[in-house]
Amino acid sequence: MKTVTAKEIEDYLTNRLGGISVIDIHIEFPNDLQAFHIEGENDYYLLQDAQKMYHLLDGKREEKLVGEDPEKFLAHVIQLITNEDTTVTY
């Protein structure tokens, strides 16, 4: 599995989504290796846990998406954020 750096995640999201800010907030999630606050029309948190699984949480910190492959996961994150009414499963 390809590893994705924090900078690559930030670049991927900001290049594909207008009107958002990606903020590194790993201090708020000490049990996770990486955590980002995606701030825009709706807030999201993108986490990577110790098992290298990626999680997307909404502003209420409810899980919206889980995945292992970073490229597929980030593509689904984009789909979910741009079309909030759609439930994304893979």
C-alpha atoms as a PDB file:
ATOM      1  CA  MET A   1       0.000   0.000   0.000  1.00  0.00           C
ATOM      2  CA  LYS A   2       1.284   3.457  -0.884  1.00  0.00           C
ATOM      3  CA  THR A   3       1.905   5.780   2.034  1.00  0.00           C
ATOM      4  CA  VAL A   4       0.625   9.322   1.693  1.00  0.00           C
ATOM      5  CA  THR A   5       2.287  12.197   3.507  1.00  0.00           C
ATOM      6  CA  ALA A   6       0.369  14.906   5.322  1.00  0.00           C
ATOM      7  CA  LYS A   7       1.429  17.427   2.668  1.00  0.00           C
ATOM      8  CA  GLU A   8       0.193  15.163  -0.157  1.00  0.00           C
ATOM      9  CA  ILE A   9      -3.225  14.856   1.515  1.00  0.00           C
ATOM     10  CA  GLU A  10      -3.457  18.609   1.973  1.00  0.00           C
ATOM     11  CA  ASP A  11      -2.417  19.256  -1.648  1.00  0.00           C
ATOM     12  CA  TYR A  12      -4.817  16.630  -2.994  1.00  0.00           C
ATOM     13  CA  LEU A  13      -7.813  18.058  -1.164  1.00  0.00           C
ATOM     14  CA  THR A  14      -7.103  21.743  -1.731  1.00  0.00           C
ATOM     15  CA  ASN A  15      -6.407  21.209  -5.453  1.00  0.00           C
ATOM     16  CA  ARG A  16      -9.730  19.419  -5.954  1.00  0.00           C
ATOM     17  CA  LEU A  17     -12.048  21.320  -3.629  1.00  0.00           C
ATOM     18  CA  GLY A  18     -12.587  25.064  -3.747  1.00  0.00           C
ATOM     19  CA  GLY A  19     -13.465  27.056  -0.654  1.00  0.00           C
ATOM     20  CA  ILE A  20     -11.895  24.746   1.917  1.00  0.00           C
ATOM     21  CA  SER A  21      -8.977  24.945   4.307  1.00  0.00           C
ATOM     22  CA  VAL A  22      -7.067  21.881   5.477  1.00  0.00           C
ATOM     23  CA  ILE A  23      -5.566  22.268   8.942  1.00  0.00           C
ATOM     24  CA  ASP A  24      -3.211  19.753  10.605  1.00  0.00           C
ATOM     25  CA  ILE A  25      -4.759  19.007  14.014  1.00  0.00           C
ATOM     26  CA  HIS A  26      -2.991  15.840  15.137  1.00  0.00           C
ATOM     27  CA  ILE A  27      -2.654  17.217  18.676  1.00  0.00           C
ATOM     28  CA  GLU A  28      -6.449  16.996  19.157  1.00  0.00           C
ATOM     29  CA  PHE A  29      -6.402  13.305  18.188  1.00  0.00           C
ATOM     30  CA  PRO A  30      -3.397  11.877  20.085  1.00  0.00           C
ATOM     31  CA  ASN A  31      -4.261   8.241  19.273  1.00  0.00           C
ATOM     32  CA  ASP A  32      -4.119   8.863  15.529  1.00  0.00           C
ATOM     33  CA  LEU A  33      -0.986   9.221  13.436  1.00  0.00           C
ATOM     34  CA  GLN A  34      -2.397  11.998  11.252  1.00  0.00           C
ATOM     35  CA  ALA A  35      -5.478  14.151  11.624  1.00  0.00           C
ATOM     36  CA  PHE A  36      -6.765  17.066   9.571  1.00  0.00           C
ATOM     37  CA  HIS A  37      -9.638  19.458  10.014  1.00  0.00           C
ATOM     38  CA  ILE A  38     -11.272  20.151   6.646  1.00  0.00           C
ATOM     39  CA  GLU A  39     -13.019  23.460   7.075  1.00  0.00           C
ATOM     40  CA  GLY A  40     -15.587  24.616   4.534  1.00  0.00           C
ATOM     41  CA  GLU A  41     -19.366  24.668   4.165  1.00  0.00           C
ATOM     42  CA  ASN A  42     -19.366  21.600   6.425  1.00  0.00           C
ATOM     43  CA  ASP A  43     -16.533  20.549   8.711  1.00  0.00           C
ATOM     44  CA  TYR A  44     -14.817  17.174   8.432  1.00  0.00           C
ATOM     45  CA  TYR A  45     -11.955  15.424  10.177  1.00  0.00           C
ATOM     46  CA  LEU A  46      -9.656  13.098   8.260  1.00  0.00           C
ATOM     47  CA  LEU A  47      -7.719  10.654  10.444  1.00  0.00           C
ATOM     48  CA  GLN A  48      -5.226   7.865   9.957  1.00  0.00           C
ATOM     49  CA  ASP A  49      -5.092   5.390  12.831  1.00  0.00           C
ATOM     50  CA  ALA A  50      -2.276   3.139  14.044  1.00  0.00           C
ATOM     51  CA  GLN A  51      -3.476   0.332  11.740  1.00  0.00           C
ATOM     52  CA  LYS A  52      -3.027   2.671   8.715  1.00  0.00           C
ATOM     53  CA  MET A  53      -6.792   2.900   8.163  1.00  0.00           C
ATOM     54  CA  TYR A  54      -8.209   6.240   7.048  1.00  0.00           C
ATOM     55  CA  HIS A  55     -11.374   7.665   8.630  1.00  0.00           C
ATOM     56  CA  LEU A  56     -13.504  10.642   7.651  1.00  0.00           C
ATOM     57  CA  LEU A  57     -15.634  12.115  10.434  1.00  0.00           C
ATOM     58  CA  ASP A  58     -18.217  14.850  10.100  1.00  0.00           C
ATOM     59  CA  GLY A  59     -18.323  17.988  12.249  1.00  0.00           C
ATOM     60  CA  LYS A  60     -20.074  16.008  15.003  1.00  0.00           C
ATOM     61  CA  ARG A  61     -17.202  13.512  14.827  1.00  0.00           C
ATOM     62  CA  GLU A  62     -19.464  10.768  13.505  1.00  0.00           C
ATOM     63  CA  GLU A  63     -17.757   8.401  11.085  1.00  0.00           C
ATOM     64  CA  LYS A  64     -18.744   8.966   7.447  1.00  0.00           C
ATOM     65  CA  LEU A  65     -16.150   6.895   5.591  1.00  0.00           C
ATOM     66  CA  VAL A  66     -13.412   4.321   6.307  1.00  0.00           C
ATOM     67  CA  GLY A  67     -10.801   2.941   3.949  1.00  0.00           C
ATOM     68  CA  GLU A  68      -7.317   1.501   3.646  1.00  0.00           C
ATOM     69  CA  ASP A  69      -6.199   2.545   0.151  1.00  0.00           C
ATOM     70  CA  PRO A  70      -5.294   6.254   0.293  1.00  0.00           C
ATOM     71  CA  GLU A  71      -6.012   7.023  -3.370  1.00  0.00           C
ATOM     72  CA  LYS A  72      -9.462   5.406  -3.341  1.00  0.00           C
ATOM     73  CA  PHE A  73     -10.254   6.863   0.064  1.00  0.00           C
ATOM     74  CA  LEU A  74      -9.358  10.427  -0.941  1.00  0.00           C
ATOM     75  CA  ALA A  75     -11.371  10.104  -4.163  1.00  0.00           C
ATOM     76  CA  HIS A  76     -14.383   9.082  -2.065  1.00  0.00           C
ATOM     77  CA  VAL A  77     -13.725  11.958   0.357  1.00  0.00           C
ATOM     78  CA  ILE A  78     -13.945  14.385  -2.577  1.00  0.00           C
ATOM     79  CA  GLN A  79     -17.178  12.739  -3.760  1.00  0.00           C
ATOM     80  CA  LEU A  80     -18.730  12.887  -0.301  1.00  0.00           C
ATOM     81  CA  ILE A  81     -17.747  16.501   0.372  1.00  0.00           C
ATOM     82  CA  THR A  82     -18.946  17.751  -3.013  1.00  0.00           C
ATOM     83  CA  ASN A  83     -22.246  15.871  -2.812  1.00  0.00           C
ATOM     84  CA  GLU A  84     -23.230  15.783   0.866  1.00  0.00           C
ATOM     85  CA  ASP A  85     -26.592  14.122   0.131  1.00  0.00           C
ATOM     86  CA  THR A  86     -24.862  11.037  -1.265  1.00  0.00           C
ATOM     87  CA  THR A  87     -23.799   8.142   0.936  1.00  0.00           C
ATOM     88  CA  VAL A  88     -20.475   6.787  -0.274  1.00  0.00           C
ATOM     89  CA  THR A  89     -19.635   3.128   0.286  1.00  0.00           C
ATOM     90  CA  TYR A  90     -16.760   1.068  -1.060  1.00  0.00           C
END
